[in-house]
Amino acid sequence: MITRQIQTFAARLYRQKDKLWLSIWAFGILTLWIWNRIFLNGPAFDQIQSAFIHTCLIAVLVIAFCCILGWGAAIGLYVLERSQKKGLVLSLDFLLNVIRSIPQIIGVLVGYVLITMMLRQEVLQSELLVMILMAMVTSLFVFPELVDLIRERIDHYRTLDFVNAMLCCGISEHRIIHVEILWKNSLLHIINKLIAIFGIAIFLQCSVDFIISVGLSTNVSPMNLPITLGSMLARIDSKQDILAIGYTLTHLTYLPNLFFQHLQGLTTAFLIVFTLLSIYHIANGFAKRYGVLKG
């Protein structure tokens, strides 16, 4: 009986790819944490742990800011269009198009450089405030994706008869937009987009942190910035650990040493790649399970 229940659970989990990859990710992170706890030196373990937590925290903050900015811009455009204020609509549309035209990684890089400059001048001293600003900068160049989704969902349901029927029944337009359209009929689409944004935020954050840590002068780049997986990967110890992989290709007998003597760099790189891969499959699995891709 217990064996059959386990088989049924495993089969259901295999069919639900989002839950499967979420379980794989959680199990992989836990296994890696235990391995590093045993074999990695204490200071490096603490730094990697802090870097992972900071990276995920900033990505969560990006989601929060994207929800605020995306909802505000989408609803603002809708209200302005309904009130026929074409000048304001064109201005807001133009601003969003300008943001879209800037490559995300370039925009985030410029924002991070400005944050670094403020740190040098001691304008910012709180680590939490710095992470909030990092999340705000990232969300500024990502939230238009959520705006487009919300506007598309509203426009889609505006063409259906049930909206006019609700208006005739005396239901307020505010309730129709926020409850009937966005909450009851678009929540899964929004959640799927937010999962993707979580992955985008981690990718942009790690890429830009790595560029800043490597590309700028040493007295500027790492100064008081919260440690993240990107900045951790840029450290000389981590880069030497990554180079050890190349050495192993020509000296196969050195392979076992990678898992004991080069854990800092390999763990950091693995966390980035494994997390991004898992998020990709979680988002795709979620979309397929709920038919989000079908609209």
C-alpha atoms as a PDB file:
ATOM      1  CA  MET A   1       0.000   0.000   0.000  1.00  0.00           C
ATOM      2  CA  ILE A   2       2.759   2.424   0.971  1.00  0.00           C
ATOM      3  CA  THR A   3       4.784   1.451  -2.094  1.00  0.00           C
ATOM      4  CA  ARG A   4       1.803   2.149  -4.358  1.00  0.00           C
ATOM      5  CA  GLN A   5       1.284   5.555  -2.746  1.00  0.00           C
ATOM      6  CA  ILE A   6       4.946   6.382  -3.280  1.00  0.00           C
ATOM      7  CA  GLN A   7       4.715   5.311  -6.922  1.00  0.00           C
ATOM      8  CA  THR A   8       1.564   7.387  -7.426  1.00  0.00           C
ATOM      9  CA  PHE A   9       3.185  10.411  -5.821  1.00  0.00           C
ATOM     10  CA  ALA A  10       6.333   9.980  -7.929  1.00  0.00           C
ATOM     11  CA  ALA A  11       4.295   9.640 -11.128  1.00  0.00           C
ATOM     12  CA  ARG A  12       2.263  12.754 -10.295  1.00  0.00           C
ATOM     13  CA  LEU A  13       5.427  14.673  -9.458  1.00  0.00           C
ATOM     14  CA  TYR A  14       7.050  13.602 -12.735  1.00  0.00           C
ATOM     15  CA  ARG A  15       4.044  14.869 -14.709  1.00  0.00           C
ATOM     16  CA  GLN A  16       4.102  18.209 -12.888  1.00  0.00           C
ATOM     17  CA  LYS A  17       7.452  19.468 -14.133  1.00  0.00           C
ATOM     18  CA  ASP A  18       7.350  22.676 -12.112  1.00  0.00           C
ATOM     19  CA  LYS A  19       7.013  20.810  -8.808  1.00  0.00           C
ATOM     20  CA  LEU A  20       9.559  18.244  -9.971  1.00  0.00           C
ATOM     21  CA  TRP A  21      12.195  20.879 -10.717  1.00  0.00           C
ATOM     22  CA  LEU A  22      11.377  22.790  -7.549  1.00  0.00           C
ATOM     23  CA  SER A  23      12.034  19.574  -5.608  1.00  0.00           C
ATOM     24  CA  ILE A  24      15.237  18.928  -7.577  1.00  0.00           C
ATOM     25  CA  TRP A  25      16.422  22.470  -6.889  1.00  0.00           C
ATOM     26  CA  ALA A  26      15.640  22.293  -3.168  1.00  0.00           C
ATOM     27  CA  PHE A  27      17.273  18.863  -2.822  1.00  0.00           C
ATOM     28  CA  GLY A  28      20.328  20.008  -4.792  1.00  0.00           C
ATOM     29  CA  ILE A  29      20.772  23.131  -2.673  1.00  0.00           C
ATOM     30  CA  LEU A  30      20.387  21.131   0.550  1.00  0.00           C
ATOM     31  CA  THR A  31      22.889  18.483  -0.605  1.00  0.00           C
ATOM     32  CA  LEU A  32      25.378  21.147  -1.654  1.00  0.00           C
ATOM     33  CA  TRP A  33      24.957  22.946   1.681  1.00  0.00           C
ATOM     34  CA  ILE A  34      25.683  19.754   3.628  1.00  0.00           C
ATOM     35  CA  TRP A  35      28.715  18.910   1.467  1.00  0.00           C
ATOM     36  CA  ASN A  36      30.190  22.393   1.860  1.00  0.00           C
ATOM     37  CA  ARG A  37      29.422  22.400   5.550  1.00  0.00           C
ATOM     38  CA  ILE A  38      31.610  19.322   5.896  1.00  0.00           C
ATOM     39  CA  PHE A  39      34.475  20.005   3.487  1.00  0.00           C
ATOM     40  CA  LEU A  40      34.648  23.785   2.868  1.00  0.00           C
ATOM     41  CA  ASN A  41      36.514  26.044   5.282  1.00  0.00           C
ATOM     42  CA  GLY A  42      34.374  28.119   7.628  1.00  0.00           C
ATOM     43  CA  PRO A  43      34.988  31.668   6.282  1.00  0.00           C
ATOM     44  CA  ALA A  44      34.390  30.625   2.652  1.00  0.00           C
ATOM     45  CA  PHE A  45      31.257  28.700   3.641  1.00  0.00           C
ATOM     46  CA  ASP A  46      29.845  31.731   5.450  1.00  0.00           C
ATOM     47  CA  GLN A  47      30.571  33.970   2.459  1.00  0.00           C
ATOM     48  CA  ILE A  48      28.902  31.637  -0.038  1.00  0.00           C
ATOM     49  CA  GLN A  49      25.909  31.253   2.258  1.00  0.00           C
ATOM     50  CA  SER A  50      25.577  35.037   2.604  1.00  0.00           C
ATOM     51  CA  ALA A  51      26.058  35.516  -1.149  1.00  0.00           C
ATOM     52  CA  PHE A  52      23.278  33.048  -1.958  1.00  0.00           C
ATOM     53  CA  ILE A  53      20.880  34.600   0.561  1.00  0.00           C
ATOM     54  CA  HIS A  54      21.620  38.130  -0.659  1.00  0.00           C
ATOM     55  CA  THR A  55      21.167  37.109  -4.297  1.00  0.00           C
ATOM     56  CA  CYS A  56      17.791  35.491  -3.633  1.00  0.00           C
ATOM     57  CA  LEU A  57      16.660  38.353  -1.379  1.00  0.00           C
ATOM     58  CA  ILE A  58      17.457  40.957  -4.031  1.00  0.00           C
ATOM     59  CA  ALA A  59      15.610  38.875  -6.644  1.00  0.00           C
ATOM     60  CA  VAL A  60      12.541  38.708  -4.371  1.00  0.00           C
ATOM     61  CA  LEU A  61      12.702  42.487  -3.895  1.00  0.00           C
ATOM     62  CA  VAL A  62      12.877  42.866  -7.677  1.00  0.00           C
ATOM     63  CA  ILE A  63       9.623  40.910  -7.945  1.00  0.00           C
ATOM     64  CA  ALA A  64       7.987  43.162  -5.340  1.00  0.00           C
ATOM     65  CA  PHE A  65       9.070  46.369  -7.084  1.00  0.00           C
ATOM     66  CA  CYS A  66       8.068  44.982 -10.492  1.00  0.00           C
ATOM     67  CA  CYS A  67       4.575  44.261  -9.151  1.00  0.00           C
ATOM     68  CA  ILE A  68       4.234  47.830  -7.887  1.00  0.00           C
ATOM     69  CA  LEU A  69       5.673  49.489 -11.001  1.00  0.00           C
ATOM     70  CA  GLY A  70       4.002  47.106 -13.448  1.00  0.00           C
ATOM     71  CA  TRP A  71       0.562  47.407 -11.891  1.00  0.00           C
ATOM     72  CA  GLY A  72       0.858  51.181 -11.513  1.00  0.00           C
ATOM     73  CA  ALA A  73       1.976  51.758 -15.110  1.00  0.00           C
ATOM     74  CA  ALA A  74      -0.558  49.354 -16.643  1.00  0.00           C
ATOM     75  CA  ILE A  75      -3.534  50.663 -14.676  1.00  0.00           C
ATOM     76  CA  GLY A  76      -2.337  54.241 -15.150  1.00  0.00           C
ATOM     77  CA  LEU A  77      -2.246  53.795 -18.925  1.00  0.00           C
ATOM     78  CA  TYR A  78      -5.679  52.174 -18.873  1.00  0.00           C
ATOM     79  CA  VAL A  79      -7.212  55.026 -16.859  1.00  0.00           C
ATOM     80  CA  LEU A  80      -5.566  57.663 -19.043  1.00  0.00           C
ATOM     81  CA  GLU A  81      -6.762  55.949 -22.213  1.00  0.00           C
ATOM     82  CA  ARG A  82     -10.325  55.758 -20.872  1.00  0.00           C
ATOM     83  CA  SER A  83     -10.229  59.445 -19.934  1.00  0.00           C
ATOM     84  CA  GLN A  84      -8.909  60.264 -23.431  1.00  0.00           C
ATOM     85  CA  LYS A  85      -5.852  62.132 -22.161  1.00  0.00           C
ATOM     86  CA  LYS A  86      -3.781  61.368 -25.237  1.00  0.00           C
ATOM     87  CA  GLY A  87      -0.874  63.617 -24.272  1.00  0.00           C
ATOM     88  CA  LEU A  88      -0.239  61.794 -21.007  1.00  0.00           C
ATOM     89  CA  VAL A  89      -0.750  58.408 -22.667  1.00  0.00           C
ATOM     90  CA  LEU A  90       1.835  59.227 -25.337  1.00  0.00           C
ATOM     91  CA  SER A  91       4.264  60.522 -22.708  1.00  0.00           C
ATOM     92  CA  LEU A  92       3.991  57.402 -20.545  1.00  0.00           C
ATOM     93  CA  ASP A  93       4.168  55.130 -23.595  1.00  0.00           C
ATOM     94  CA  PHE A  94       7.254  56.991 -24.780  1.00  0.00           C
ATOM     95  CA  LEU A  95       8.908  56.597 -21.371  1.00  0.00           C
ATOM     96  CA  LEU A  96       8.204  52.854 -21.341  1.00  0.00           C
ATOM     97  CA  ASN A  97       9.550  52.506 -24.882  1.00  0.00           C
ATOM     98  CA  VAL A  98      12.732  54.336 -23.884  1.00  0.00           C
ATOM     99  CA  ILE A  99      13.226  51.902 -21.003  1.00  0.00           C
ATOM    100  CA  ARG A 100      12.568  48.951 -23.332  1.00  0.00           C
ATOM    101  CA  SER A 101      15.126  50.268 -25.825  1.00  0.00           C
ATOM    102  CA  ILE A 102      17.926  50.160 -23.232  1.00  0.00           C
ATOM    103  CA  PRO A 103      19.550  46.716 -22.956  1.00  0.00           C
ATOM    104  CA  GLN A 104      18.729  45.436 -19.492  1.00  0.00           C
ATOM    105  CA  ILE A 105      22.292  44.504 -18.593  1.00  0.00           C
ATOM    106  CA  ILE A 106      23.572  47.960 -19.652  1.00  0.00           C
ATOM    107  CA  GLY A 107      20.901  49.768 -17.658  1.00  0.00           C
ATOM    108  CA  VAL A 108      21.517  47.698 -14.542  1.00  0.00           C
ATOM    109  CA  LEU A 109      25.293  48.130 -14.932  1.00  0.00           C
ATOM    110  CA  VAL A 110      24.963  51.931 -15.037  1.00  0.00           C
ATOM    111  CA  GLY A 111      22.679  51.836 -11.997  1.00  0.00           C
ATOM    112  CA  TYR A 112      25.098  49.666 -10.031  1.00  0.00           C
ATOM    113  CA  VAL A 113      27.981  51.998 -10.908  1.00  0.00           C
ATOM    114  CA  LEU A 114      25.969  54.930  -9.517  1.00  0.00           C
ATOM    115  CA  ILE A 115      25.315  52.960  -6.327  1.00  0.00           C
ATOM    116  CA  THR A 116      29.045  52.230  -6.061  1.00  0.00           C
ATOM    117  CA  MET A 117      29.827  55.927  -6.441  1.00  0.00           C
ATOM    118  CA  MET A 118      27.396  56.755  -3.627  1.00  0.00           C
ATOM    119  CA  LEU A 119      29.115  54.139  -1.471  1.00  0.00           C
ATOM    120  CA  ARG A 120      32.493  55.739  -2.129  1.00  0.00           C
ATOM    121  CA  GLN A 121      31.109  59.092  -0.984  1.00  0.00           C
ATOM    122  CA  GLU A 122      29.559  57.399   2.081  1.00  0.00           C
ATOM    123  CA  VAL A 123      26.071  58.494   1.082  1.00  0.00           C
ATOM    124  CA  LEU A 124      24.909  54.910   1.657  1.00  0.00           C
ATOM    125  CA  GLN A 125      25.963  53.000   4.755  1.00  0.00           C
ATOM    126  CA  SER A 126      23.185  50.468   5.354  1.00  0.00           C
ATOM    127  CA  GLU A 127      23.649  47.100   3.622  1.00  0.00           C
ATOM    128  CA  LEU A 128      19.888  46.576   3.500  1.00  0.00           C
ATOM    129  CA  LEU A 129      19.388  49.973   1.847  1.00  0.00           C
ATOM    130  CA  VAL A 130      22.032  49.108  -0.748  1.00  0.00           C
ATOM    131  CA  MET A 131      20.268  45.829  -1.570  1.00  0.00           C
ATOM    132  CA  ILE A 132      16.945  47.658  -1.871  1.00  0.00           C
ATOM    133  CA  LEU A 133      18.513  50.138  -4.299  1.00  0.00           C
ATOM    134  CA  MET A 134      20.078  47.290  -6.282  1.00  0.00           C
ATOM    135  CA  ALA A 135      16.651  45.670  -6.548  1.00  0.00           C
ATOM    136  CA  MET A 136      15.017  48.957  -7.567  1.00  0.00           C
ATOM    137  CA  VAL A 137      17.582  49.503 -10.323  1.00  0.00           C
ATOM    138  CA  THR A 138      17.048  45.989 -11.675  1.00  0.00           C
ATOM    139  CA  SER A 139      13.254  46.226 -11.513  1.00  0.00           C
ATOM    140  CA  LEU A 140      13.331  49.531 -13.409  1.00  0.00           C
ATOM    141  CA  PHE A 141      14.549  47.718 -16.529  1.00  0.00           C
ATOM    142  CA  VAL A 142      12.449  44.576 -16.070  1.00  0.00           C
ATOM    143  CA  PHE A 143       8.980  45.804 -15.078  1.00  0.00           C
ATOM    144  CA  PRO A 144       7.884  46.754 -18.651  1.00  0.00           C
ATOM    145  CA  GLU A 145       7.499  43.008 -19.288  1.00  0.00           C
ATOM    146  CA  LEU A 146       4.856  42.858 -16.557  1.00  0.00           C
ATOM    147  CA  VAL A 147       3.203  46.016 -17.898  1.00  0.00           C
ATOM    148  CA  ASP A 148       2.833  44.407 -21.319  1.00  0.00           C
ATOM    149  CA  LEU A 149       1.315  41.264 -19.793  1.00  0.00           C
ATOM    150  CA  ILE A 150      -1.228  43.128 -17.644  1.00  0.00           C
ATOM    151  CA  ARG A 151      -2.269  45.375 -20.533  1.00  0.00           C
ATOM    152  CA  GLU A 152      -2.599  42.385 -22.852  1.00  0.00           C
ATOM    153  CA  ARG A 153      -4.838  40.567 -20.352  1.00  0.00           C
ATOM    154  CA  ILE A 154      -7.031  43.627 -19.830  1.00  0.00           C
ATOM    155  CA  ASP A 155      -7.334  44.282 -23.577  1.00  0.00           C
ATOM    156  CA  HIS A 156      -8.183  40.617 -24.188  1.00  0.00           C
ATOM    157  CA  TYR A 157     -11.058  40.551 -21.706  1.00  0.00           C
ATOM    158  CA  ARG A 158     -12.313  43.988 -22.704  1.00  0.00           C
ATOM    159  CA  THR A 159     -13.303  42.451 -26.054  1.00  0.00           C
ATOM    160  CA  LEU A 160     -15.510  39.827 -24.382  1.00  0.00           C
ATOM    161  CA  ASP A 161     -19.197  40.276 -23.634  1.00  0.00           C
ATOM    162  CA  PHE A 162     -18.980  39.481 -19.937  1.00  0.00           C
ATOM    163  CA  VAL A 163     -17.290  42.828 -19.214  1.00  0.00           C
ATOM    164  CA  ASN A 164     -20.176  44.789 -20.729  1.00  0.00           C
ATOM    165  CA  ALA A 165     -22.629  42.501 -18.953  1.00  0.00           C
ATOM    166  CA  MET A 166     -21.013  43.247 -15.599  1.00  0.00           C
ATOM    167  CA  LEU A 167     -21.045  46.960 -16.296  1.00  0.00           C
ATOM    168  CA  CYS A 168     -24.766  46.733 -17.087  1.00  0.00           C
ATOM    169  CA  CYS A 169     -25.312  44.930 -13.773  1.00  0.00           C
ATOM    170  CA  GLY A 170     -23.785  47.876 -11.934  1.00  0.00           C
ATOM    171  CA  ILE A 171     -20.446  46.279 -11.076  1.00  0.00           C
ATOM    172  CA  SER A 172     -17.738  48.916 -10.875  1.00  0.00           C
ATOM    173  CA  GLU A 173     -15.027  48.997 -13.508  1.00  0.00           C
ATOM    174  CA  HIS A 174     -12.440  48.945 -10.728  1.00  0.00           C
ATOM    175  CA  ARG A 175     -13.731  45.572  -9.491  1.00  0.00           C
ATOM    176  CA  ILE A 176     -13.960  44.170 -13.018  1.00  0.00           C
ATOM    177  CA  ILE A 177     -10.332  45.035 -13.779  1.00  0.00           C
ATOM    178  CA  HIS A 178      -8.738  44.031 -10.494  1.00  0.00           C
ATOM    179  CA  VAL A 179     -10.917  41.130  -9.341  1.00  0.00           C
ATOM    180  CA  GLU A 180     -12.558  39.560 -12.378  1.00  0.00           C
ATOM    181  CA  ILE A 181      -9.777  40.063 -14.930  1.00  0.00           C
ATOM    182  CA  LEU A 182      -6.472  40.268 -13.064  1.00  0.00           C
ATOM    183  CA  TRP A 183      -7.207  38.165  -9.976  1.00  0.00           C
ATOM    184  CA  LYS A 184      -9.611  35.480 -11.187  1.00  0.00           C
ATOM    185  CA  ASN A 185      -8.547  35.112 -14.812  1.00  0.00           C
ATOM    186  CA  SER A 186      -4.942  36.316 -15.045  1.00  0.00           C
ATOM    187  CA  LEU A 187      -3.299  35.387 -11.747  1.00  0.00           C
ATOM    188  CA  LEU A 188      -1.621  32.278 -13.184  1.00  0.00           C
ATOM    189  CA  HIS A 189      -0.205  34.292 -16.082  1.00  0.00           C
ATOM    190  CA  ILE A 190       1.158  36.892 -13.675  1.00  0.00           C
ATOM    191  CA  ILE A 191       2.693  34.256 -11.378  1.00  0.00           C
ATOM    192  CA  ASN A 192       4.374  32.605 -14.362  1.00  0.00           C
ATOM    193  CA  LYS A 193       5.797  35.956 -15.443  1.00  0.00           C
ATOM    194  CA  LEU A 194       7.052  36.650 -11.904  1.00  0.00           C
ATOM    195  CA  ILE A 195       8.835  33.279 -11.823  1.00  0.00           C
ATOM    196  CA  ALA A 196      10.595  34.259 -15.042  1.00  0.00           C
ATOM    197  CA  ILE A 197      11.422  37.694 -13.613  1.00  0.00           C
ATOM    198  CA  PHE A 198      13.000  35.994 -10.588  1.00  0.00           C
ATOM    199  CA  GLY A 199      15.362  34.180 -12.946  1.00  0.00           C
ATOM    200  CA  ILE A 200      16.053  37.328 -14.975  1.00  0.00           C
ATOM    201  CA  ALA A 201      16.863  39.232 -11.784  1.00  0.00           C
ATOM    202  CA  ILE A 202      19.384  36.602 -10.670  1.00  0.00           C
ATOM    203  CA  PHE A 203      21.006  36.507 -14.114  1.00  0.00           C
ATOM    204  CA  LEU A 204      21.313  40.297 -14.388  1.00  0.00           C
ATOM    205  CA  GLN A 205      22.506  40.637 -10.811  1.00  0.00           C
ATOM    206  CA  CYS A 206      25.216  37.982 -11.114  1.00  0.00           C
ATOM    207  CA  SER A 207      26.370  39.262 -14.512  1.00  0.00           C
ATOM    208  CA  VAL A 208      26.617  42.898 -13.454  1.00  0.00           C
ATOM    209  CA  ASP A 209      28.211  42.102 -10.081  1.00  0.00           C
ATOM    210  CA  PHE A 210      30.823  40.004 -11.864  1.00  0.00           C
ATOM    211  CA  ILE A 211      31.528  42.779 -14.388  1.00  0.00           C
ATOM    212  CA  ILE A 212      31.825  45.426 -11.680  1.00  0.00           C
ATOM    213  CA  SER A 213      34.038  43.276  -9.469  1.00  0.00           C
ATOM    214  CA  VAL A 214      36.378  42.384 -12.340  1.00  0.00           C
ATOM    215  CA  GLY A 215      36.209  45.429 -14.585  1.00  0.00           C
ATOM    216  CA  LEU A 216      36.540  48.365 -12.206  1.00  0.00           C
ATOM    217  CA  SER A 217      39.552  49.326 -10.128  1.00  0.00           C
ATOM    218  CA  THR A 218      39.968  47.401  -6.903  1.00  0.00           C
ATOM    219  CA  ASN A 219      39.421  50.452  -4.718  1.00  0.00           C
ATOM    220  CA  VAL A 220      36.018  51.048  -6.331  1.00  0.00           C
ATOM    221  CA  SER A 221      34.327  47.834  -7.384  1.00  0.00           C
ATOM    222  CA  PRO A 222      33.814  45.719  -4.265  1.00  0.00           C
ATOM    223  CA  MET A 223      33.615  48.583  -1.793  1.00  0.00           C
ATOM    224  CA  ASN A 224      30.860  47.837   0.715  1.00  0.00           C
ATOM    225  CA  LEU A 225      28.607  46.230  -1.913  1.00  0.00           C
ATOM    226  CA  PRO A 226      26.679  43.327  -0.387  1.00  0.00           C
ATOM    227  CA  ILE A 227      28.325  40.082  -1.380  1.00  0.00           C
ATOM    228  CA  THR A 228      26.399  38.178  -4.061  1.00  0.00           C
ATOM    229  CA  LEU A 229      27.060  35.104  -6.162  1.00  0.00           C
ATOM    230  CA  GLY A 230      28.313  37.309  -8.996  1.00  0.00           C
ATOM    231  CA  SER A 231      30.879  39.146  -6.896  1.00  0.00           C
ATOM    232  CA  MET A 232      31.818  35.870  -5.197  1.00  0.00           C
ATOM    233  CA  LEU A 233      32.561  34.305  -8.576  1.00  0.00           C
ATOM    234  CA  ALA A 234      34.834  37.230  -9.479  1.00  0.00           C
ATOM    235  CA  ARG A 235      37.173  36.649  -6.542  1.00  0.00           C
ATOM    236  CA  ILE A 236      40.631  35.358  -7.321  1.00  0.00           C
ATOM    237  CA  ASP A 237      40.135  32.177  -5.276  1.00  0.00           C
ATOM    238  CA  SER A 238      36.952  31.345  -7.180  1.00  0.00           C
ATOM    239  CA  LYS A 239      38.569  31.996 -10.557  1.00  0.00           C
ATOM    240  CA  GLN A 240      41.465  29.729  -9.656  1.00  0.00           C
ATOM    241  CA  ASP A 241      38.980  27.030  -8.690  1.00  0.00           C
ATOM    242  CA  ILE A 242      37.261  27.366 -12.077  1.00  0.00           C
ATOM    243  CA  LEU A 243      40.623  27.177 -13.871  1.00  0.00           C
ATOM    244  CA  ALA A 244      41.249  23.911 -12.059  1.00  0.00           C
ATOM    245  CA  ILE A 245      38.547  22.363 -14.255  1.00  0.00           C
ATOM    246  CA  GLY A 246      40.697  23.045 -17.319  1.00  0.00           C
ATOM    247  CA  TYR A 247      43.690  21.490 -15.618  1.00  0.00           C
ATOM    248  CA  THR A 248      41.606  18.419 -14.843  1.00  0.00           C
ATOM    249  CA  LEU A 249      40.806  17.908 -18.539  1.00  0.00           C
ATOM    250  CA  THR A 250      44.456  17.059 -19.177  1.00  0.00           C
ATOM    251  CA  HIS A 251      45.102  15.473 -15.776  1.00  0.00           C
ATOM    252  CA  LEU A 252      42.119  13.241 -15.051  1.00  0.00           C
ATOM    253  CA  THR A 253      43.647  11.910 -11.858  1.00  0.00           C
ATOM    254  CA  TYR A 254      43.182  15.386 -10.374  1.00  0.00           C
ATOM    255  CA  LEU A 255      39.373  15.131 -10.697  1.00  0.00           C
ATOM    256  CA  PRO A 256      38.630  14.020  -7.090  1.00  0.00           C
ATOM    257  CA  ASN A 257      40.469  17.095  -5.785  1.00  0.00           C
ATOM    258  CA  LEU A 258      37.873  19.380  -7.384  1.00  0.00           C
ATOM    259  CA  PHE A 259      35.244  18.268  -4.893  1.00  0.00           C
ATOM    260  CA  PHE A 260      37.420  18.916  -1.850  1.00  0.00           C
ATOM    261  CA  GLN A 261      40.069  21.555  -2.642  1.00  0.00           C
ATOM    262  CA  HIS A 262      38.220  23.852  -5.087  1.00  0.00           C
ATOM    263  CA  LEU A 263      34.781  24.067  -3.554  1.00  0.00           C
ATOM    264  CA  GLN A 264      34.467  27.860  -3.341  1.00  0.00           C
ATOM    265  CA  GLY A 265      34.547  28.597  -7.063  1.00  0.00           C
ATOM    266  CA  LEU A 266      32.796  25.418  -8.165  1.00  0.00           C
ATOM    267  CA  THR A 267      30.018  25.870  -5.617  1.00  0.00           C
ATOM    268  CA  THR A 268      29.425  29.477  -6.647  1.00  0.00           C
ATOM    269  CA  ALA A 269      29.339  28.645 -10.350  1.00  0.00           C
ATOM    270  CA  PHE A 270      27.114  25.625  -9.740  1.00  0.00           C
ATOM    271  CA  LEU A 271      24.653  27.654  -7.658  1.00  0.00           C
ATOM    272  CA  ILE A 272      24.261  30.222 -10.440  1.00  0.00           C
ATOM    273  CA  VAL A 273      23.878  27.736 -13.299  1.00  0.00           C
ATOM    274  CA  PHE A 274      21.762  25.226 -11.370  1.00  0.00           C
ATOM    275  CA  THR A 275      19.401  27.904 -10.032  1.00  0.00           C
ATOM    276  CA  LEU A 276      18.883  29.513 -13.451  1.00  0.00           C
ATOM    277  CA  LEU A 277      18.312  26.121 -15.083  1.00  0.00           C
ATOM    278  CA  SER A 278      15.815  25.129 -12.386  1.00  0.00           C
ATOM    279  CA  ILE A 279      13.897  28.404 -12.651  1.00  0.00           C
ATOM    280  CA  TYR A 280      13.684  27.974 -16.427  1.00  0.00           C
ATOM    281  CA  HIS A 281      12.151  24.514 -16.071  1.00  0.00           C
ATOM    282  CA  ILE A 282       9.889  25.608 -13.200  1.00  0.00           C
ATOM    283  CA  ALA A 283       8.465  28.458 -15.293  1.00  0.00           C
ATOM    284  CA  ASN A 284       7.963  26.218 -18.331  1.00  0.00           C
ATOM    285  CA  GLY A 285       6.428  23.443 -16.251  1.00  0.00           C
ATOM    286  CA  PHE A 286       4.087  25.882 -14.513  1.00  0.00           C
ATOM    287  CA  ALA A 287       2.978  27.331 -17.857  1.00  0.00           C
ATOM    288  CA  LYS A 288       2.294  23.897 -19.354  1.00  0.00           C
ATOM    289  CA  ARG A 289       0.523  22.532 -16.280  1.00  0.00           C
ATOM    290  CA  TYR A 290      -1.943  25.407 -16.122  1.00  0.00           C
ATOM    291  CA  GLY A 291      -2.153  26.059 -19.861  1.00  0.00           C
ATOM    292  CA  VAL A 292      -0.767  29.564 -19.470  1.00  0.00           C
ATOM    293  CA  LEU A 293       0.882  29.437 -22.885  1.00  0.00           C
ATOM    294  CA  LYS A 294      -2.520  28.894 -24.471  1.00  0.00           C
ATOM    295  CA  GLY A 295      -3.752  32.238 -23.141  1.00  0.00           C
END
